[in-house]
Protein backbone atom coordinates (compact mmCIF):
# COMPACT_ATOMS: atom_id res chain seq x y z
CA MET A 1 -1.97 -3.39 14.37
CA SER A 2 0.00 -6.60 14.72
CA ALA A 3 2.61 -6.55 17.49
CA SER A 4 5.13 -8.48 15.39
CA PRO A 5 5.77 -8.44 11.63
CA VAL A 6 3.11 -10.16 9.57
CA SER A 7 4.71 -13.11 7.78
CA ILE A 8 3.82 -13.76 4.14
CA ALA A 9 4.86 -16.59 1.84
CA ILE A 10 4.77 -15.61 -1.86
CA LEU A 11 4.78 -18.65 -4.12
CA VAL A 12 7.05 -18.86 -7.13
CA PHE A 13 6.67 -21.35 -9.99
CA PRO A 14 7.55 -21.31 -13.71
CA GLU A 15 4.06 -20.14 -14.77
CA THR A 16 4.25 -16.76 -13.05
CA THR A 17 6.10 -13.50 -13.74
CA ALA A 18 8.83 -11.65 -11.92
CA ALA A 19 6.88 -8.38 -11.96
CA VAL A 20 4.12 -9.80 -9.77
CA VAL A 21 6.36 -11.82 -7.44
CA TYR A 22 8.84 -9.02 -6.84
CA GLY A 23 6.15 -6.33 -6.95
CA LEU A 24 4.26 -7.99 -4.11
CA TYR A 25 7.49 -8.56 -2.23
CA ASP A 26 8.48 -4.90 -2.52
CA LEU A 27 5.09 -3.53 -1.38
CA PHE A 28 5.14 -5.70 1.72
CA ARG A 29 8.76 -4.78 2.51
CA GLN A 30 7.87 -1.09 2.23
CA THR A 31 5.14 -1.33 4.84
CA GLY A 32 6.13 0.68 7.90
CA ARG A 33 9.61 1.34 6.55
CA ASP A 34 9.62 3.63 3.54
CA TRP A 35 7.03 6.25 4.49
CA ARG A 36 9.07 7.18 7.54
CA ALA A 37 12.29 7.11 5.54
CA ILE A 38 10.77 9.66 3.16
CA THR A 39 9.04 11.89 5.68
CA GLU A 40 11.38 11.65 8.66
CA GLY A 41 14.71 10.81 7.10
CA ARG A 42 15.04 7.46 8.85
CA PRO A 43 13.47 4.09 7.97
CA GLY A 44 10.64 2.88 10.15
CA LYS A 45 10.16 -0.61 11.51
CA GLU A 46 9.28 -3.16 8.85
CA LEU A 47 5.80 -4.40 9.68
CA MET A 48 5.57 -7.27 7.19
CA ARG A 49 8.04 -10.06 6.51
CA PRO A 50 7.65 -11.61 3.03
CA LEU A 51 9.36 -14.80 1.91
CA ILE A 52 9.52 -16.21 -1.62
CA VAL A 53 8.76 -19.92 -1.43
CA GLY A 54 9.14 -22.65 -4.05
CA ARG A 55 9.22 -26.41 -4.38
CA GLN A 56 13.01 -26.44 -4.24
CA ASN A 57 15.87 -24.13 -3.36
CA ASP A 58 17.01 -23.98 -6.99
CA ALA A 59 16.36 -20.83 -9.03
CA VAL A 60 13.08 -20.89 -10.96
CA CYS A 61 12.94 -19.58 -14.53
CA VAL A 62 9.57 -17.83 -14.65
CA SER A 63 7.52 -17.13 -17.74
CA ASN A 64 9.33 -13.93 -18.72
CA ASP A 65 12.71 -15.72 -18.60
CA ILE A 66 13.88 -14.23 -15.32
CA LEU A 67 15.46 -16.44 -12.66
CA ILE A 68 13.96 -16.17 -9.17
CA THR A 69 15.69 -17.93 -6.30
CA PRO A 70 13.30 -18.84 -3.46
CA HIS A 71 14.22 -17.96 0.11
CA THR A 72 12.95 -21.34 1.28
CA THR A 73 11.04 -24.43 0.20
CA PHE A 74 7.63 -25.84 1.01
CA ASP A 75 9.22 -28.35 3.39
CA ASP A 76 11.38 -25.80 5.20
CA CYS A 77 9.08 -22.77 5.25
CA PRO A 78 8.27 -21.63 8.79
CA ALA A 79 4.73 -20.93 9.93
CA VAL A 80 3.30 -17.88 8.14
CA ASP A 81 0.23 -15.70 8.52
CA ILE A 82 -0.52 -15.40 4.80
CA VAL A 83 0.23 -17.44 1.69
CA LEU A 84 -0.06 -15.51 -1.57
CA VAL A 85 -0.33 -17.08 -5.02
CA PRO A 86 0.67 -14.86 -7.98
CA GLU A 87 -0.94 -15.28 -11.38
CA VAL A 88 -0.94 -18.57 -13.27
CA ASN A 89 0.41 -17.34 -16.58
CA VAL A 90 -0.99 -19.91 -19.00
CA ILE A 91 -3.41 -19.55 -21.92
CA PRO A 92 -6.93 -19.04 -20.52
CA GLY A 93 -8.80 -22.32 -20.54
CA GLU A 94 -5.69 -24.48 -20.87
CA PRO A 95 -6.05 -27.51 -18.58
CA LEU A 96 -3.79 -27.24 -15.55
CA GLY A 97 -3.58 -31.00 -15.13
CA ASP A 98 -1.32 -32.14 -12.32
CA ARG A 99 1.37 -29.52 -12.80
CA PHE A 100 0.42 -27.65 -9.61
CA GLN A 101 -0.28 -30.59 -7.32
CA PRO A 102 2.63 -29.82 -4.93
CA GLU A 103 1.48 -26.19 -4.66
CA ILE A 104 -2.14 -27.21 -4.12
CA ALA A 105 -1.24 -29.73 -1.42
CA TRP A 106 0.89 -27.14 0.37
CA LEU A 107 -1.88 -24.51 0.15
CA LYS A 108 -4.35 -26.92 1.74
CA HIS A 109 -1.89 -27.73 4.50
CA ARG A 110 -1.19 -24.08 5.29
CA HIS A 111 -4.87 -23.20 5.23
CA ASP A 112 -5.60 -26.03 7.66
CA ASP A 113 -2.90 -24.54 9.90
CA GLY A 114 -4.78 -21.23 9.99
CA ALA A 115 -3.06 -19.16 7.31
CA VAL A 116 -4.97 -16.71 5.14
CA LEU A 117 -4.71 -17.64 1.46
CA ALA A 118 -4.65 -14.90 -1.16
CA ALA A 119 -4.35 -14.91 -4.93
CA ALA A 120 -3.63 -12.31 -7.54
CA CYS A 121 -5.19 -12.57 -10.95
CA SER A 122 -5.56 -16.15 -12.24
CA GLY A 123 -3.86 -17.59 -9.15
CA ALA A 124 -7.37 -18.21 -7.82
CA MET A 125 -7.57 -21.19 -10.19
CA LEU A 126 -5.35 -23.12 -7.78
CA PHE A 127 -7.88 -22.59 -4.99
CA ALA A 128 -10.62 -23.89 -7.26
CA GLU A 129 -8.52 -26.90 -8.28
CA ALA A 130 -8.03 -27.61 -4.58
CA GLY A 131 -11.81 -27.63 -4.02
CA MET A 132 -11.52 -24.76 -1.59
CA LEU A 133 -13.99 -22.47 -3.38
CA ASP A 134 -16.97 -24.82 -3.64
CA GLY A 135 -20.03 -23.02 -2.31
CA TRP A 136 -18.15 -19.74 -1.86
CA ASP A 137 -17.90 -16.43 -3.72
CA ALA A 138 -14.88 -15.97 -5.99
CA THR A 139 -13.28 -13.82 -8.65
CA THR A 140 -10.26 -14.12 -10.90
CA HIS A 141 -8.79 -12.57 -14.04
CA TRP A 142 -11.59 -11.63 -16.42
CA ALA A 143 -10.20 -13.99 -19.07
CA TRP A 144 -10.56 -16.93 -16.64
CA CYS A 145 -13.96 -16.13 -15.09
CA ASP A 146 -15.98 -18.15 -17.63
CA VAL A 147 -13.52 -21.02 -17.34
CA LEU A 148 -13.77 -20.95 -13.55
CA ALA A 149 -17.58 -20.96 -13.67
CA GLU A 150 -17.71 -23.76 -16.27
CA ARG A 151 -15.17 -26.06 -14.65
CA PHE A 152 -16.35 -25.51 -11.09
CA PRO A 153 -20.12 -24.93 -11.12
CA ALA A 154 -20.27 -25.01 -7.30
CA VAL A 155 -18.23 -21.79 -7.18
CA LYS A 156 -20.12 -18.47 -7.16
CA VAL A 157 -18.07 -16.47 -9.66
CA HIS A 158 -18.34 -12.65 -9.63
CA PRO A 159 -16.60 -11.38 -12.80
CA GLN A 160 -17.42 -7.75 -12.00
CA ARG A 161 -15.75 -7.75 -8.59
CA ALA A 162 -12.10 -6.76 -8.39
CA LEU A 163 -11.63 -8.20 -4.89
CA VAL A 164 -13.39 -10.98 -2.99
CA ALA A 165 -12.76 -12.20 0.55
CA THR A 166 -14.51 -15.52 1.15
CA GLY A 167 -14.45 -18.82 2.99
CA GLU A 168 -14.68 -19.41 6.72
CA GLY A 169 -13.42 -16.33 8.48
CA GLN A 170 -12.84 -14.77 5.04
CA ARG A 171 -9.51 -16.56 4.96
CA ILE A 172 -9.44 -16.81 1.16
CA VAL A 173 -8.82 -13.57 -0.73
CA MET A 174 -8.82 -13.13 -4.51
CA ALA A 175 -8.18 -10.17 -6.79
CA GLY A 176 -9.08 -9.79 -10.46
CA GLY A 177 -6.84 -9.19 -13.46
CA GLY A 178 -3.91 -7.05 -14.49
CA THR A 179 -2.37 -4.94 -11.75
CA SER A 180 -4.98 -6.00 -9.19
CA TRP A 181 -2.12 -7.69 -7.35
CA MET A 182 -1.58 -4.17 -5.96
CA ASP A 183 -5.17 -4.18 -4.70
CA VAL A 184 -4.74 -7.50 -2.91
CA ALA A 185 -1.49 -6.27 -1.38
CA LEU A 186 -3.17 -3.10 -0.05
CA TYR A 187 -6.09 -5.17 1.24
CA LEU A 188 -3.76 -7.50 3.14
CA ILE A 189 -1.77 -4.59 4.58
CA ALA A 190 -4.98 -2.90 5.74
CA ARG A 191 -6.39 -6.12 7.14
CA THR A 192 -3.34 -7.30 9.04
CA VAL A 193 -1.47 -4.07 9.86
CA SER A 194 -3.64 -0.96 9.51
CA VAL A 195 -5.55 1.14 7.00
CA GLU A 196 -3.13 4.03 7.52
CA GLU A 197 -0.11 1.87 6.64
CA ALA A 198 -1.90 0.70 3.50
CA MET A 199 -2.65 4.31 2.55
CA GLN A 200 0.99 5.23 3.00
CA VAL A 201 2.10 2.43 0.66
CA ALA A 202 -0.54 3.57 -1.85
CA ARG A 203 0.69 7.16 -1.71
CA ILE A 204 4.34 6.22 -2.14
CA ASN A 205 3.59 4.09 -5.19
CA LEU A 206 0.81 6.24 -6.71
CA ILE A 207 -1.42 3.18 -6.70
CA ASP A 208 -4.71 3.71 -8.55
CA TRP A 209 -3.97 7.33 -9.41
CA HIS A 210 -1.11 7.13 -11.91
CA HIS A 211 -2.77 9.73 -14.15
CA VAL A 212 -2.57 12.31 -11.37
CA GLY A 213 1.21 12.37 -11.54
CA GLN A 214 3.52 12.83 -8.58
CA GLN A 215 2.60 16.36 -7.60
CA PRO A 216 0.21 15.36 -4.78
CA PHE A 217 3.12 13.58 -3.11
CA ALA A 218 5.79 16.23 -3.62
CA ARG A 219 5.84 17.22 0.03
CA LEU A 220 6.95 13.78 1.21
CA ALA A 221 10.66 14.13 0.53
CA ARG A 222 10.91 17.66 1.85
CA THR A 223 10.06 17.59 5.55
CA ARG A 224 12.57 15.23 7.07
CA GLN A 225 14.60 16.27 10.09
CA VAL A 226 17.90 17.92 9.16
CA GLU A 227 21.45 17.93 10.45
CA ASP A 228 21.24 21.51 11.69
CA LYS A 229 20.12 20.83 15.27
CA LEU A 230 18.67 24.28 15.78
CA ILE A 231 16.52 23.98 12.66
CA ALA A 232 15.63 20.38 13.55
CA ARG A 233 14.33 21.62 16.90
CA CYS A 234 12.16 24.14 15.10
CA GLN A 235 10.91 21.42 12.78
CA THR A 236 9.89 19.32 15.76
CA TRP A 237 8.03 22.27 17.26
CA ILE A 238 6.23 23.27 14.08
CA ALA A 239 5.07 19.69 13.48
CA GLU A 240 2.83 20.11 16.54
CA HIS A 241 2.00 23.82 16.17
CA TYR A 242 1.60 24.43 12.41
CA ASP A 243 -2.03 25.48 12.94
CA GLU A 244 -1.15 28.40 15.21
CA ALA A 245 -1.21 32.02 14.11
CA ASN A 246 2.14 33.51 12.96
CA PRO A 247 4.07 30.22 13.17
CA VAL A 248 7.16 31.57 11.40
CA SER A 249 7.57 34.35 13.98
CA ALA A 250 7.17 31.76 16.71
CA MET A 251 9.96 29.64 15.20
CA VAL A 252 12.21 32.67 14.98
CA ARG A 253 11.67 33.32 18.69
CA LEU A 254 12.29 29.65 19.48
CA SER A 255 15.56 29.70 17.53
CA GLY A 256 16.94 32.65 19.46
CA ILE A 257 18.72 34.04 16.43
CA ALA A 258 18.01 36.97 14.13
CA GLU A 259 15.07 36.52 11.76
CA ARG A 260 17.16 36.98 8.63
CA THR A 261 19.74 34.46 9.85
CA PHE A 262 17.02 31.98 10.82
CA LYS A 263 15.34 32.14 7.41
CA ARG A 264 18.65 31.69 5.63
CA ARG A 265 19.61 28.66 7.75
CA PHE A 266 16.14 27.14 7.42
CA GLN A 267 16.28 27.46 3.62
CA GLN A 268 19.74 25.89 3.52
CA ALA A 269 18.70 23.03 5.80
CA THR A 270 15.35 22.10 4.24
CA GLY A 271 15.37 23.55 0.73
CA MET A 272 12.24 25.51 1.64
CA SER A 273 11.53 28.86 3.22
CA PRO A 274 9.92 28.69 6.68
CA LEU A 275 6.59 29.82 5.25
CA GLU A 276 6.72 27.24 2.45
CA TYR A 277 7.45 24.61 5.07
CA VAL A 278 4.45 25.64 7.15
CA HIS A 279 2.23 25.50 4.08
CA ALA A 280 3.56 22.01 3.27
CA LEU A 281 2.76 20.71 6.74
CA ARG A 282 -0.69 22.29 6.73
CA LEU A 283 -1.52 20.89 3.30
CA GLU A 284 -0.37 17.41 4.28
CA GLU A 285 -2.63 17.47 7.33
CA ALA A 286 -5.44 18.78 5.13
CA LYS A 287 -4.95 15.78 2.81
CA GLN A 288 -5.34 13.41 5.75
CA MET A 289 -8.53 15.17 6.82
CA LEU A 290 -9.93 15.17 3.28
CA GLU A 291 -9.31 11.42 3.10
CA ALA A 292 -10.61 10.45 6.52
CA SER A 293 -13.33 12.94 7.49
CA GLU A 294 -16.49 14.48 6.11
CA LEU A 295 -15.61 17.98 7.29
CA SER A 296 -16.25 20.74 4.78
CA VAL A 297 -13.33 22.30 2.94
CA GLU A 298 -13.92 25.48 4.93
CA ALA A 299 -13.75 23.61 8.23
CA ILE A 300 -10.57 21.80 7.22
CA ALA A 301 -8.99 25.11 6.18
CA ASN A 302 -9.69 26.50 9.65
CA GLU A 303 -8.47 23.34 11.39
CA VAL A 304 -5.05 23.51 9.71
CA GLY A 305 -4.60 27.24 10.30
CA TYR A 306 -6.17 29.14 7.41
CA GLU A 307 -8.88 31.69 8.17
CA ASP A 308 -9.51 32.28 4.46
CA ALA A 309 -10.91 29.10 2.88
CA GLY A 310 -10.60 30.62 -0.58
CA PHE A 311 -6.88 31.18 -0.10
CA PHE A 312 -6.53 27.62 1.21
CA SER A 313 -8.30 26.18 -1.85
CA ARG A 314 -6.17 28.19 -4.28
CA LEU A 315 -2.97 27.20 -2.46
CA PHE A 316 -4.01 23.54 -2.39
CA ARG A 317 -4.72 23.56 -6.13
CA ARG A 318 -1.40 25.27 -6.90
CA LYS A 319 0.70 22.93 -4.74
CA VAL A 320 -1.13 19.63 -5.23
CA ASN A 321 -2.43 20.14 -8.77
CA LEU A 322 -5.88 19.06 -7.59
CA THR A 323 -8.66 20.97 -5.89
CA PRO A 324 -9.52 19.83 -2.34
CA ALA A 325 -12.75 18.33 -3.68
CA GLN A 326 -10.91 16.41 -6.42
CA TYR A 327 -8.36 15.12 -3.93
CA ARG A 328 -11.12 13.95 -1.57
CA LYS A 329 -12.98 12.16 -4.35
CA ARG A 330 -9.94 10.19 -5.41
CA PHE A 331 -8.26 9.35 -2.12
CA SER A 332 -11.16 9.06 0.30
CA ALA A 333 -12.63 6.27 -1.83
CA LEU A 334 -9.46 4.21 -1.43
CA ARG A 335 -9.32 4.84 2.33
CA GLN A 336 -12.99 3.94 2.75
CA SER A 337 -12.64 0.72 0.79
CA LEU A 338 -9.60 -0.29 2.84
CA ALA A 339 -11.33 0.64 6.10
CA SER A 340 -14.22 -1.69 5.26
CA VAL A 341 -12.07 -4.80 5.05
């Protein structure tokens, strides 16, 4: 993990859209910050520092008629680790001419200085126009792949690939069409910060699993530390001991108050009964293990504190709305792909 925030310049120009520019900006700003705000009740350290950069300081009217004001200009932008080009929102095949020459010159300069260049969607066309893809693998929006191959025959175009890292040191990254800007954002987070931080951003935003709904993430907003110091102390303890036998009885003893009073205060403080809270912690740990390990469901059940794997599976399905096997299939694939970058 980088010791200091990873700096990213996101280009803005009239032929892009606010959704991609601000969407990328928001995902990078969330990294390190929002997961801890949700799960612990306090924002974490921001691990990425995005800047929106344009030719001039003046607001840019992008293609969906929204004004975007850059933070800085090409001339004044400080050194950055990554430069990211959003989509070039023009009719596929339309000649780009000289309209992007300032952007192309700046991209070359930043790449020569050691920055990683990344593009979402048809933004890869600027790399091709700059001659930076000759002899290398590439991808872009499916509607531009044939154009890219025809105009730049030295480029090895892979229309079927959603993400390509290429060039010397793999310092040029391209994603395909549509919402693949999310994929390139996750890739860059995993590559420059950590796979776990990328997974946390994916979970918060339901990236790639919109059809699942929000139920798998319902626990996130319900386990933060609370104002009741006695209950907060019990929360801290149970976070490390949720896998022990009879954890609710142990928390009651730790609290030093009557069991009935403890359960009432815990419910008031967290919105959950002590037992529900224990189940939530255990299931969250089980999710991590399903994503990151090849342990059997039975072994994971035992690891998180359940002797009866059948009970664990039924509880998981009821609370998460997916079986453990379904959850593993969907989320381990994302973790594995991010871990391979």
